[in-house]
């Protein structure tokens, strides 16, 4: 075996990515503090062809050197928008037909392996602040919460690691969508 060179991987250009079909999901960031995490979200959204990212509250927006450092240019390919209020952004997505799923540990959450997204229905995944999680107001109006099973001594993953796990699971279950 040998490592593939970048030119052998068949990656899309930024222009090709922007014109390509996307999976029917949006990523919503609820007051994410770390600019490195924000950049990681952009990179993950690019890898899984998200429709867009909604940056809410005090989540910083590109261009920013710290976002670019971890996004590696994905902030140029992934569509994004800024919203002052997460609740308003989520209500707007619901009005557009999105099912709202918070990635959070709550009473009655659905374990990721049991999460069964309806094909053809757009989904919005809300990821919360690194310390406080998703705001209670957003959880209350969501269609549900999905939880990643964990088996160690810690009670959470890094928020951008959670995105990689949840979004890959969603895309894997919806590979026929694009």
N, C-alpha and C. Protein backbone atom coordinates (compact mmCIF):
# COMPACT_ATOMS: atom_id res chain seq x y z
N UNK A 1 0.83 -1.19 0.00
CA UNK A 1 0.00 0.00 0.00
C UNK A 1 0.87 1.25 0.00
N UNK A 2 0.27 2.34 -0.49
CA UNK A 2 0.93 3.64 -0.46
C UNK A 2 -0.12 4.71 -0.27
N UNK A 3 0.30 5.82 0.28
CA UNK A 3 -0.61 6.95 0.45
C UNK A 3 -0.95 7.54 -0.91
N UNK A 4 -2.18 7.97 -1.04
CA UNK A 4 -2.59 8.64 -2.27
C UNK A 4 -2.15 10.09 -2.25
N UNK A 5 -1.77 10.60 -3.37
CA UNK A 5 -1.48 12.02 -3.50
C UNK A 5 -2.79 12.78 -3.63
N UNK A 6 -2.77 14.04 -3.32
CA UNK A 6 -3.98 14.88 -3.36
C UNK A 6 -4.63 14.81 -4.74
N UNK A 7 -3.84 14.85 -5.79
CA UNK A 7 -4.39 14.82 -7.15
C UNK A 7 -5.06 13.49 -7.48
N UNK A 8 -4.75 12.43 -6.76
CA UNK A 8 -5.35 11.10 -6.99
C UNK A 8 -6.68 10.92 -6.26
N UNK A 9 -7.01 11.81 -5.35
CA UNK A 9 -8.19 11.62 -4.51
C UNK A 9 -9.49 12.08 -5.17
N UNK A 10 -9.40 12.77 -6.28
CA UNK A 10 -10.60 13.20 -6.99
C UNK A 10 -11.43 14.21 -6.22
N UNK A 11 -10.79 15.06 -5.46
CA UNK A 11 -11.50 16.06 -4.67
C UNK A 11 -12.07 17.14 -5.57
N UNK A 12 -13.20 17.69 -5.13
CA UNK A 12 -13.83 18.78 -5.87
C UNK A 12 -13.05 20.08 -5.65
N UNK A 13 -13.11 20.95 -6.62
CA UNK A 13 -12.61 22.30 -6.42
C UNK A 13 -13.67 23.06 -5.62
N UNK A 14 -13.33 24.23 -5.11
CA UNK A 14 -14.30 25.04 -4.38
C UNK A 14 -15.50 25.34 -5.27
N UNK A 15 -15.25 25.68 -6.52
CA UNK A 15 -16.34 25.99 -7.44
C UNK A 15 -17.21 24.77 -7.71
N UNK A 16 -16.59 23.61 -7.91
CA UNK A 16 -17.35 22.37 -8.10
C UNK A 16 -18.17 22.03 -6.86
N UNK A 17 -17.58 22.22 -5.68
CA UNK A 17 -18.29 21.95 -4.44
C UNK A 17 -19.53 22.83 -4.33
N UNK A 18 -19.35 24.11 -4.59
CA UNK A 18 -20.49 25.04 -4.47
C UNK A 18 -21.63 24.67 -5.40
N UNK A 19 -21.31 24.11 -6.57
CA UNK A 19 -22.33 23.72 -7.53
C UNK A 19 -22.83 22.29 -7.37
N UNK A 20 -22.28 21.56 -6.43
CA UNK A 20 -22.63 20.14 -6.28
C UNK A 20 -23.90 19.96 -5.44
N UNK A 21 -24.52 18.79 -5.60
CA UNK A 21 -25.64 18.43 -4.73
C UNK A 21 -25.12 18.25 -3.31
N UNK A 22 -25.95 18.61 -2.35
CA UNK A 22 -25.57 18.50 -0.93
C UNK A 22 -26.51 17.53 -0.24
N UNK A 23 -26.05 16.97 0.86
CA UNK A 23 -26.93 16.17 1.69
C UNK A 23 -27.92 17.13 2.36
N UNK A 24 -29.14 16.66 2.62
CA UNK A 24 -30.17 17.57 3.14
C UNK A 24 -30.06 17.82 4.64
N UNK A 25 -28.94 18.41 5.04
CA UNK A 25 -28.80 18.78 6.45
C UNK A 25 -28.05 20.08 6.61
N UNK A 26 -28.35 20.74 7.72
CA UNK A 26 -27.73 22.00 8.10
C UNK A 26 -27.12 21.81 9.48
N UNK A 27 -26.00 22.46 9.72
CA UNK A 27 -25.35 22.45 11.03
C UNK A 27 -25.62 23.80 11.68
N UNK A 28 -26.09 23.77 12.91
CA UNK A 28 -26.37 24.99 13.67
C UNK A 28 -25.43 25.01 14.87
N UNK A 29 -24.67 26.09 15.00
CA UNK A 29 -23.73 26.23 16.12
C UNK A 29 -24.30 27.22 17.12
N UNK A 30 -24.59 26.73 18.32
CA UNK A 30 -25.21 27.51 19.38
C UNK A 30 -24.13 28.02 20.34
N UNK A 31 -23.64 29.23 20.07
CA UNK A 31 -22.67 29.90 20.96
C UNK A 31 -21.40 29.08 21.18
N UNK A 32 -20.73 28.73 20.09
CA UNK A 32 -19.46 28.00 20.17
C UNK A 32 -18.35 29.02 20.41
N UNK A 33 -17.57 28.79 21.46
CA UNK A 33 -16.51 29.74 21.85
C UNK A 33 -15.23 29.58 21.04
N UNK A 34 -14.80 28.35 20.87
CA UNK A 34 -13.49 28.08 20.29
C UNK A 34 -13.49 28.27 18.78
N UNK A 35 -12.62 29.15 18.33
CA UNK A 35 -12.50 29.38 16.89
C UNK A 35 -11.93 28.15 16.19
N UNK A 36 -11.11 27.37 16.89
CA UNK A 36 -10.62 26.11 16.32
C UNK A 36 -11.77 25.14 16.11
N UNK A 37 -12.71 25.09 17.06
CA UNK A 37 -13.88 24.24 16.87
C UNK A 37 -14.72 24.72 15.69
N UNK A 38 -14.90 26.01 15.56
CA UNK A 38 -15.66 26.55 14.44
C UNK A 38 -15.01 26.14 13.12
N UNK A 39 -13.71 26.28 13.03
CA UNK A 39 -12.99 25.85 11.83
C UNK A 39 -13.15 24.37 11.56
N UNK A 40 -13.12 23.56 12.61
CA UNK A 40 -13.31 22.12 12.46
C UNK A 40 -14.70 21.80 11.95
N UNK A 41 -15.71 22.54 12.40
CA UNK A 41 -17.06 22.35 11.88
C UNK A 41 -17.10 22.62 10.38
N UNK A 42 -16.44 23.67 9.93
CA UNK A 42 -16.41 23.96 8.50
C UNK A 42 -15.78 22.81 7.72
N UNK A 43 -14.70 22.29 8.24
CA UNK A 43 -14.01 21.20 7.55
C UNK A 43 -14.88 19.94 7.49
N UNK A 44 -15.57 19.64 8.58
CA UNK A 44 -16.45 18.47 8.62
C UNK A 44 -17.66 18.69 7.71
N UNK A 45 -18.22 19.89 7.71
CA UNK A 45 -19.36 20.20 6.84
C UNK A 45 -18.96 20.08 5.37
N UNK A 46 -17.75 20.45 5.04
CA UNK A 46 -17.24 20.29 3.68
C UNK A 46 -17.12 18.80 3.35
N UNK A 47 -16.51 18.03 4.25
CA UNK A 47 -16.30 16.60 4.00
C UNK A 47 -17.59 15.86 3.75
N UNK A 48 -18.67 16.26 4.44
CA UNK A 48 -19.95 15.56 4.33
C UNK A 48 -20.98 16.33 3.52
N UNK A 49 -20.54 17.35 2.77
CA UNK A 49 -21.37 18.14 1.87
C UNK A 49 -22.66 18.64 2.52
N UNK A 50 -22.50 19.34 3.62
CA UNK A 50 -23.64 19.97 4.28
C UNK A 50 -24.19 21.09 3.41
N UNK A 51 -25.49 21.34 3.53
CA UNK A 51 -26.08 22.48 2.81
C UNK A 51 -25.50 23.80 3.30
N UNK A 52 -25.38 23.93 4.63
CA UNK A 52 -24.81 25.16 5.18
C UNK A 52 -24.58 25.00 6.67
N UNK A 53 -23.88 25.99 7.22
CA UNK A 53 -23.68 26.13 8.66
C UNK A 53 -24.34 27.44 9.08
N UNK A 54 -25.04 27.42 10.20
CA UNK A 54 -25.61 28.65 10.76
C UNK A 54 -24.84 28.94 12.05
N UNK A 55 -24.16 30.07 12.08
CA UNK A 55 -23.34 30.49 13.21
C UNK A 55 -24.18 31.40 14.10
N UNK A 56 -24.49 30.93 15.30
CA UNK A 56 -25.44 31.65 16.15
C UNK A 56 -24.79 32.26 17.38
N UNK A 57 -25.43 33.35 17.84
CA UNK A 57 -24.98 34.00 19.07
C UNK A 57 -23.57 34.56 18.90
N UNK A 58 -22.74 34.27 19.89
CA UNK A 58 -21.38 34.81 19.84
C UNK A 58 -20.39 33.92 19.08
N UNK A 59 -20.89 32.90 18.38
CA UNK A 59 -20.02 32.10 17.51
C UNK A 59 -19.40 33.04 16.48
N UNK A 60 -18.09 33.04 16.38
CA UNK A 60 -17.40 33.91 15.43
C UNK A 60 -17.61 33.43 14.01
N UNK A 61 -17.46 34.33 13.07
CA UNK A 61 -17.64 34.03 11.66
C UNK A 61 -16.35 34.28 10.89
N UNK A 62 -16.19 33.61 9.74
CA UNK A 62 -15.05 33.92 8.88
C UNK A 62 -15.21 35.32 8.29
N UNK A 63 -14.18 35.94 7.84
CA UNK A 63 -12.80 35.44 7.90
C UNK A 63 -12.18 35.72 9.27
N UNK A 64 -11.47 34.75 9.74
CA UNK A 64 -10.72 34.88 10.98
C UNK A 64 -9.56 33.89 10.92
N UNK A 65 -8.39 34.35 11.28
CA UNK A 65 -7.18 33.54 11.19
C UNK A 65 -7.31 32.21 11.93
N UNK A 66 -7.91 32.22 13.12
CA UNK A 66 -8.02 30.99 13.92
C UNK A 66 -9.02 30.01 13.31
N UNK A 67 -10.06 30.51 12.67
CA UNK A 67 -11.00 29.62 11.98
C UNK A 67 -10.31 28.99 10.77
N UNK A 68 -9.63 29.81 9.99
CA UNK A 68 -8.94 29.33 8.79
C UNK A 68 -7.88 28.28 9.13
N UNK A 69 -7.23 28.45 10.26
CA UNK A 69 -6.17 27.52 10.66
C UNK A 69 -6.69 26.08 10.75
N UNK A 70 -7.89 25.88 11.28
CA UNK A 70 -8.41 24.51 11.38
C UNK A 70 -9.36 24.17 10.22
N UNK A 71 -9.96 25.15 9.58
CA UNK A 71 -10.85 24.88 8.45
C UNK A 71 -10.08 24.52 7.18
N UNK A 72 -8.86 24.97 7.08
CA UNK A 72 -8.01 24.70 5.91
C UNK A 72 -8.68 25.09 4.59
N UNK A 73 -9.42 26.19 4.61
CA UNK A 73 -10.06 26.68 3.40
C UNK A 73 -11.51 26.26 3.23
N UNK A 74 -12.02 25.37 4.08
CA UNK A 74 -13.41 24.92 3.96
C UNK A 74 -14.39 26.06 4.23
N UNK A 75 -13.95 27.11 4.90
CA UNK A 75 -14.83 28.26 5.12
C UNK A 75 -15.12 28.98 3.81
N UNK A 76 -14.35 28.65 2.76
CA UNK A 76 -14.58 29.23 1.45
C UNK A 76 -15.53 28.40 0.60
N UNK A 77 -15.68 27.12 0.92
CA UNK A 77 -16.54 26.23 0.13
C UNK A 77 -17.93 26.05 0.75
N UNK A 78 -18.03 26.01 2.06
CA UNK A 78 -19.30 25.72 2.72
C UNK A 78 -20.09 27.02 2.89
N UNK A 79 -21.33 26.97 2.46
CA UNK A 79 -22.22 28.12 2.65
C UNK A 79 -22.46 28.31 4.15
N UNK A 80 -22.51 29.56 4.58
CA UNK A 80 -22.78 29.83 5.99
C UNK A 80 -23.56 31.13 6.11
N UNK A 81 -24.21 31.24 7.25
CA UNK A 81 -24.90 32.49 7.58
C UNK A 81 -24.77 32.74 9.06
N UNK A 82 -24.95 33.97 9.45
CA UNK A 82 -24.85 34.39 10.84
C UNK A 82 -26.24 34.73 11.35
N UNK A 83 -26.53 34.30 12.58
CA UNK A 83 -27.79 34.63 13.24
C UNK A 83 -27.48 35.07 14.66
N UNK A 84 -28.04 36.17 15.07
CA UNK A 84 -27.80 36.68 16.43
C UNK A 84 -28.40 35.75 17.48
N UNK A 85 -29.46 35.02 17.10
CA UNK A 85 -30.20 34.23 18.09
C UNK A 85 -30.43 32.81 17.57
N UNK A 86 -30.00 31.81 18.34
CA UNK A 86 -30.14 30.41 17.93
C UNK A 86 -31.60 30.01 17.81
N UNK A 87 -32.41 30.42 18.77
CA UNK A 87 -33.83 30.06 18.76
C UNK A 87 -34.51 30.56 17.48
N UNK A 88 -34.24 31.80 17.11
CA UNK A 88 -34.81 32.36 15.88
C UNK A 88 -34.33 31.60 14.65
N UNK A 89 -33.05 31.25 14.62
CA UNK A 89 -32.50 30.51 13.48
C UNK A 89 -33.16 29.14 13.35
N UNK A 90 -33.35 28.47 14.48
CA UNK A 90 -33.97 27.14 14.47
C UNK A 90 -35.44 27.25 14.06
N UNK A 91 -36.13 28.26 14.55
CA UNK A 91 -37.53 28.44 14.15
C UNK A 91 -37.65 28.71 12.65
N UNK A 92 -36.70 29.45 12.10
CA UNK A 92 -36.69 29.70 10.65
C UNK A 92 -36.46 28.40 9.88
N UNK A 93 -35.51 27.59 10.35
CA UNK A 93 -35.26 26.31 9.69
C UNK A 93 -36.49 25.40 9.75
N UNK A 94 -37.17 25.39 10.88
CA UNK A 94 -38.40 24.59 11.00
C UNK A 94 -39.43 25.08 9.98
N UNK A 95 -39.57 26.40 9.83
CA UNK A 95 -40.51 26.97 8.87
C UNK A 95 -40.15 26.56 7.43
N UNK A 96 -38.88 26.28 7.19
CA UNK A 96 -38.42 25.84 5.87
C UNK A 96 -38.55 24.32 5.70
N UNK A 97 -39.07 23.63 6.72
CA UNK A 97 -39.31 22.20 6.61
C UNK A 97 -38.27 21.29 7.24
N UNK A 98 -37.31 21.87 7.94
CA UNK A 98 -36.27 21.05 8.60
C UNK A 98 -36.79 20.42 9.87
N UNK A 99 -36.36 19.20 10.12
CA UNK A 99 -36.55 18.57 11.44
C UNK A 99 -35.36 19.00 12.28
N UNK A 100 -35.60 19.37 13.50
CA UNK A 100 -34.56 19.93 14.37
C UNK A 100 -34.12 18.87 15.38
N UNK A 101 -32.84 18.54 15.34
CA UNK A 101 -32.26 17.56 16.28
C UNK A 101 -31.08 18.20 17.00
N UNK A 102 -31.18 18.25 18.31
CA UNK A 102 -30.06 18.73 19.13
C UNK A 102 -29.15 17.54 19.44
N UNK A 103 -27.87 17.80 19.44
CA UNK A 103 -26.91 16.78 19.85
C UNK A 103 -26.62 17.07 21.31
N UNK A 104 -27.30 16.30 22.17
CA UNK A 104 -27.27 16.62 23.59
C UNK A 104 -27.71 15.41 24.41
N UNK A 105 -27.21 15.34 25.63
CA UNK A 105 -27.59 14.29 26.57
C UNK A 105 -28.76 14.81 27.41
N UNK A 106 -29.95 14.28 27.13
CA UNK A 106 -31.15 14.69 27.85
C UNK A 106 -31.98 13.45 28.15
N UNK A 107 -32.92 13.63 29.06
CA UNK A 107 -33.89 12.58 29.32
C UNK A 107 -34.65 12.29 28.04
N UNK A 108 -34.70 11.04 27.64
CA UNK A 108 -35.44 10.66 26.44
C UNK A 108 -34.69 10.85 25.14
N UNK A 109 -33.39 11.11 25.20
CA UNK A 109 -32.63 11.26 23.96
C UNK A 109 -32.58 9.93 23.21
N UNK A 110 -32.36 10.02 21.92
CA UNK A 110 -32.23 8.84 21.06
C UNK A 110 -30.75 8.53 20.91
N UNK A 111 -30.36 7.31 21.24
CA UNK A 111 -28.96 6.93 21.03
C UNK A 111 -28.67 6.94 19.53
N UNK A 112 -27.50 7.38 19.17
CA UNK A 112 -27.15 7.58 17.76
C UNK A 112 -27.42 6.34 16.92
N UNK A 113 -27.10 5.18 17.43
CA UNK A 113 -27.31 3.96 16.64
C UNK A 113 -28.79 3.69 16.39
N UNK A 114 -29.68 4.30 17.16
CA UNK A 114 -31.12 4.13 16.97
C UNK A 114 -31.76 5.31 16.23
N UNK A 115 -30.98 6.31 15.91
CA UNK A 115 -31.49 7.48 15.20
C UNK A 115 -31.78 7.08 13.76
N UNK A 116 -33.02 7.29 13.33
CA UNK A 116 -33.46 6.87 12.01
C UNK A 116 -34.03 8.06 11.25
N UNK A 117 -33.15 8.87 10.64
CA UNK A 117 -33.64 10.05 9.93
C UNK A 117 -34.49 9.65 8.73
N UNK A 118 -35.59 10.33 8.55
CA UNK A 118 -36.48 10.03 7.44
C UNK A 118 -35.83 10.50 6.13
N UNK A 119 -35.68 9.59 5.16
CA UNK A 119 -35.09 9.98 3.87
C UNK A 119 -35.93 11.07 3.20
N UNK A 120 -35.25 11.99 2.57
CA UNK A 120 -35.92 13.06 1.85
C UNK A 120 -36.39 14.21 2.71
N UNK A 121 -36.27 14.08 4.04
CA UNK A 121 -36.67 15.15 4.95
C UNK A 121 -35.40 15.86 5.40
N UNK A 122 -35.32 17.18 5.23
CA UNK A 122 -34.11 17.88 5.66
C UNK A 122 -34.00 17.94 7.18
N UNK A 123 -32.79 17.84 7.65
CA UNK A 123 -32.52 17.85 9.10
C UNK A 123 -31.56 18.99 9.44
N UNK A 124 -31.76 19.54 10.63
CA UNK A 124 -30.83 20.52 11.18
C UNK A 124 -30.30 19.94 12.49
N UNK A 125 -28.99 19.91 12.62
CA UNK A 125 -28.35 19.39 13.82
C UNK A 125 -27.76 20.56 14.59
N UNK A 126 -28.21 20.71 15.83
CA UNK A 126 -27.77 21.82 16.68
C UNK A 126 -26.70 21.31 17.63
N UNK A 127 -25.54 21.96 17.59
CA UNK A 127 -24.43 21.63 18.48
C UNK A 127 -24.23 22.81 19.42
N UNK A 128 -24.07 22.49 20.71
CA UNK A 128 -24.06 23.53 21.72
C UNK A 128 -22.69 23.94 22.21
N UNK A 129 -22.73 24.96 23.01
CA UNK A 129 -21.56 25.53 23.67
C UNK A 129 -20.74 24.45 24.37
N UNK A 130 -19.44 24.63 24.35
CA UNK A 130 -18.52 23.64 24.90
C UNK A 130 -18.73 23.35 26.39
N UNK A 131 -19.28 24.29 27.14
CA UNK A 131 -19.49 24.09 28.58
C UNK A 131 -20.98 23.87 28.89
N UNK A 132 -21.84 24.71 28.33
CA UNK A 132 -23.27 24.70 28.66
C UNK A 132 -24.10 23.78 27.77
N UNK A 133 -23.57 23.37 26.63
CA UNK A 133 -24.35 22.56 25.70
C UNK A 133 -25.35 23.39 24.93
N UNK A 134 -26.35 22.72 24.36
CA UNK A 134 -27.41 23.39 23.60
C UNK A 134 -28.32 24.09 24.61
N UNK A 135 -28.74 25.31 24.28
CA UNK A 135 -29.59 26.06 25.21
C UNK A 135 -30.93 25.34 25.43
N UNK A 136 -31.45 25.46 26.64
CA UNK A 136 -32.70 24.80 27.02
C UNK A 136 -33.86 25.22 26.12
N UNK A 137 -33.92 26.49 25.74
CA UNK A 137 -35.00 26.97 24.88
C UNK A 137 -35.01 26.26 23.53
N UNK A 138 -33.83 26.00 23.00
CA UNK A 138 -33.74 25.30 21.70
C UNK A 138 -34.11 23.84 21.87
N UNK A 139 -33.66 23.22 22.95
CA UNK A 139 -34.01 21.83 23.21
C UNK A 139 -35.53 21.67 23.29
N UNK A 140 -36.19 22.60 23.96
CA UNK A 140 -37.65 22.52 24.15
C UNK A 140 -38.42 22.52 22.84
N UNK A 141 -37.94 23.21 21.83
CA UNK A 141 -38.68 23.28 20.57
C UNK A 141 -38.16 22.29 19.52
N UNK A 142 -37.17 21.51 19.87
CA UNK A 142 -36.59 20.58 18.90
C UNK A 142 -37.50 19.36 18.72
N UNK A 143 -37.28 18.64 17.63
CA UNK A 143 -37.99 17.38 17.39
C UNK A 143 -37.44 16.27 18.26
N UNK A 144 -36.24 16.46 18.77
CA UNK A 144 -35.64 15.47 19.64
C UNK A 144 -34.16 15.75 19.82
N UNK A 145 -33.55 14.91 20.65
CA UNK A 145 -32.12 15.01 20.88
C UNK A 145 -31.48 13.66 20.57
N UNK A 146 -30.36 13.72 19.94
CA UNK A 146 -29.60 12.51 19.65
C UNK A 146 -28.36 12.53 20.54
N UNK A 147 -28.03 11.37 21.05
CA UNK A 147 -26.91 11.23 22.00
C UNK A 147 -25.93 10.18 21.48
N UNK A 148 -24.65 10.49 21.59
CA UNK A 148 -23.61 9.55 21.19
C UNK A 148 -23.27 8.66 22.38
N UNK A 149 -23.39 7.35 22.23
CA UNK A 149 -23.05 6.46 23.35
C UNK A 149 -21.56 6.62 23.72
N UNK A 150 -21.29 6.58 25.00
CA UNK A 150 -19.91 6.70 25.49
C UNK A 150 -19.70 5.69 26.61
N UNK A 151 -18.49 5.17 26.71
CA UNK A 151 -18.24 4.06 27.61
C UNK A 151 -17.10 4.29 28.58
N UNK A 152 -16.55 5.50 28.62
CA UNK A 152 -15.43 5.80 29.50
C UNK A 152 -15.85 6.60 30.72
N UNK A 153 -14.90 7.33 31.27
CA UNK A 153 -15.16 8.10 32.49
C UNK A 153 -15.63 9.53 32.20
N UNK A 154 -15.44 10.01 31.00
CA UNK A 154 -15.85 11.37 30.65
C UNK A 154 -17.28 11.36 30.15
N UNK A 155 -17.97 12.46 30.29
CA UNK A 155 -19.38 12.52 29.91
C UNK A 155 -19.63 13.23 28.59
N UNK A 156 -18.54 13.61 27.88
CA UNK A 156 -18.77 14.30 26.62
C UNK A 156 -17.54 14.20 25.72
N UNK A 157 -17.81 14.38 24.42
CA UNK A 157 -16.75 14.52 23.43
C UNK A 157 -16.51 16.02 23.20
N UNK A 158 -15.39 16.35 22.60
CA UNK A 158 -15.21 17.70 22.08
C UNK A 158 -16.34 17.94 21.08
N UNK A 159 -16.89 19.13 21.05
CA UNK A 159 -18.06 19.42 20.22
C UNK A 159 -17.79 19.18 18.74
N UNK A 160 -16.59 19.46 18.27
CA UNK A 160 -16.32 19.22 16.85
C UNK A 160 -16.12 17.73 16.57
N UNK A 161 -15.66 16.96 17.55
CA UNK A 161 -15.57 15.50 17.40
C UNK A 161 -16.99 14.94 17.32
N UNK A 162 -17.89 15.45 18.16
CA UNK A 162 -19.30 15.03 18.11
C UNK A 162 -19.88 15.26 16.72
N UNK A 163 -19.53 16.38 16.12
CA UNK A 163 -20.04 16.67 14.77
C UNK A 163 -19.57 15.61 13.78
N UNK A 164 -18.31 15.24 13.84
CA UNK A 164 -17.81 14.23 12.93
C UNK A 164 -18.55 12.91 13.07
N UNK A 165 -18.81 12.52 14.30
CA UNK A 165 -19.50 11.25 14.56
C UNK A 165 -20.95 11.30 14.08
N UNK A 166 -21.68 12.33 14.49
CA UNK A 166 -23.11 12.43 14.17
C UNK A 166 -23.32 12.64 12.67
N UNK A 167 -22.54 13.51 12.07
CA UNK A 167 -22.75 13.81 10.66
C UNK A 167 -22.36 12.63 9.77
N UNK A 168 -21.30 11.92 10.13
CA UNK A 168 -20.96 10.72 9.35
C UNK A 168 -22.09 9.70 9.46
N UNK A 169 -22.64 9.51 10.64
CA UNK A 169 -23.73 8.56 10.82
C UNK A 169 -24.92 8.96 9.95
N UNK A 170 -25.25 10.24 9.93
CA UNK A 170 -26.36 10.72 9.11
C UNK A 170 -26.09 10.49 7.63
N UNK A 171 -24.91 10.87 7.17
CA UNK A 171 -24.56 10.71 5.75
C UNK A 171 -24.55 9.22 5.38
N UNK A 172 -23.99 8.39 6.23
CA UNK A 172 -23.92 6.95 5.97
C UNK A 172 -25.34 6.39 5.78
N UNK A 173 -26.28 6.86 6.55
CA UNK A 173 -27.66 6.39 6.46
C UNK A 173 -28.41 7.00 5.28
N UNK A 174 -27.83 8.01 4.64
CA UNK A 174 -28.50 8.72 3.55
C UNK A 174 -27.65 8.81 2.28
N UNK A 175 -26.77 7.86 2.07
CA UNK A 175 -25.85 7.95 0.92
C UNK A 175 -26.55 8.01 -0.43
N UNK A 176 -27.77 7.60 -0.53
CA UNK A 176 -28.47 7.67 -1.80
C UNK A 176 -29.06 9.05 -2.08
N UNK A 177 -28.96 9.96 -1.12
CA UNK A 177 -29.58 11.28 -1.26
C UNK A 177 -28.92 12.17 -2.32
N UNK A 178 -27.62 12.01 -2.56
CA UNK A 178 -26.98 12.87 -3.58
C UNK A 178 -26.37 12.04 -4.67
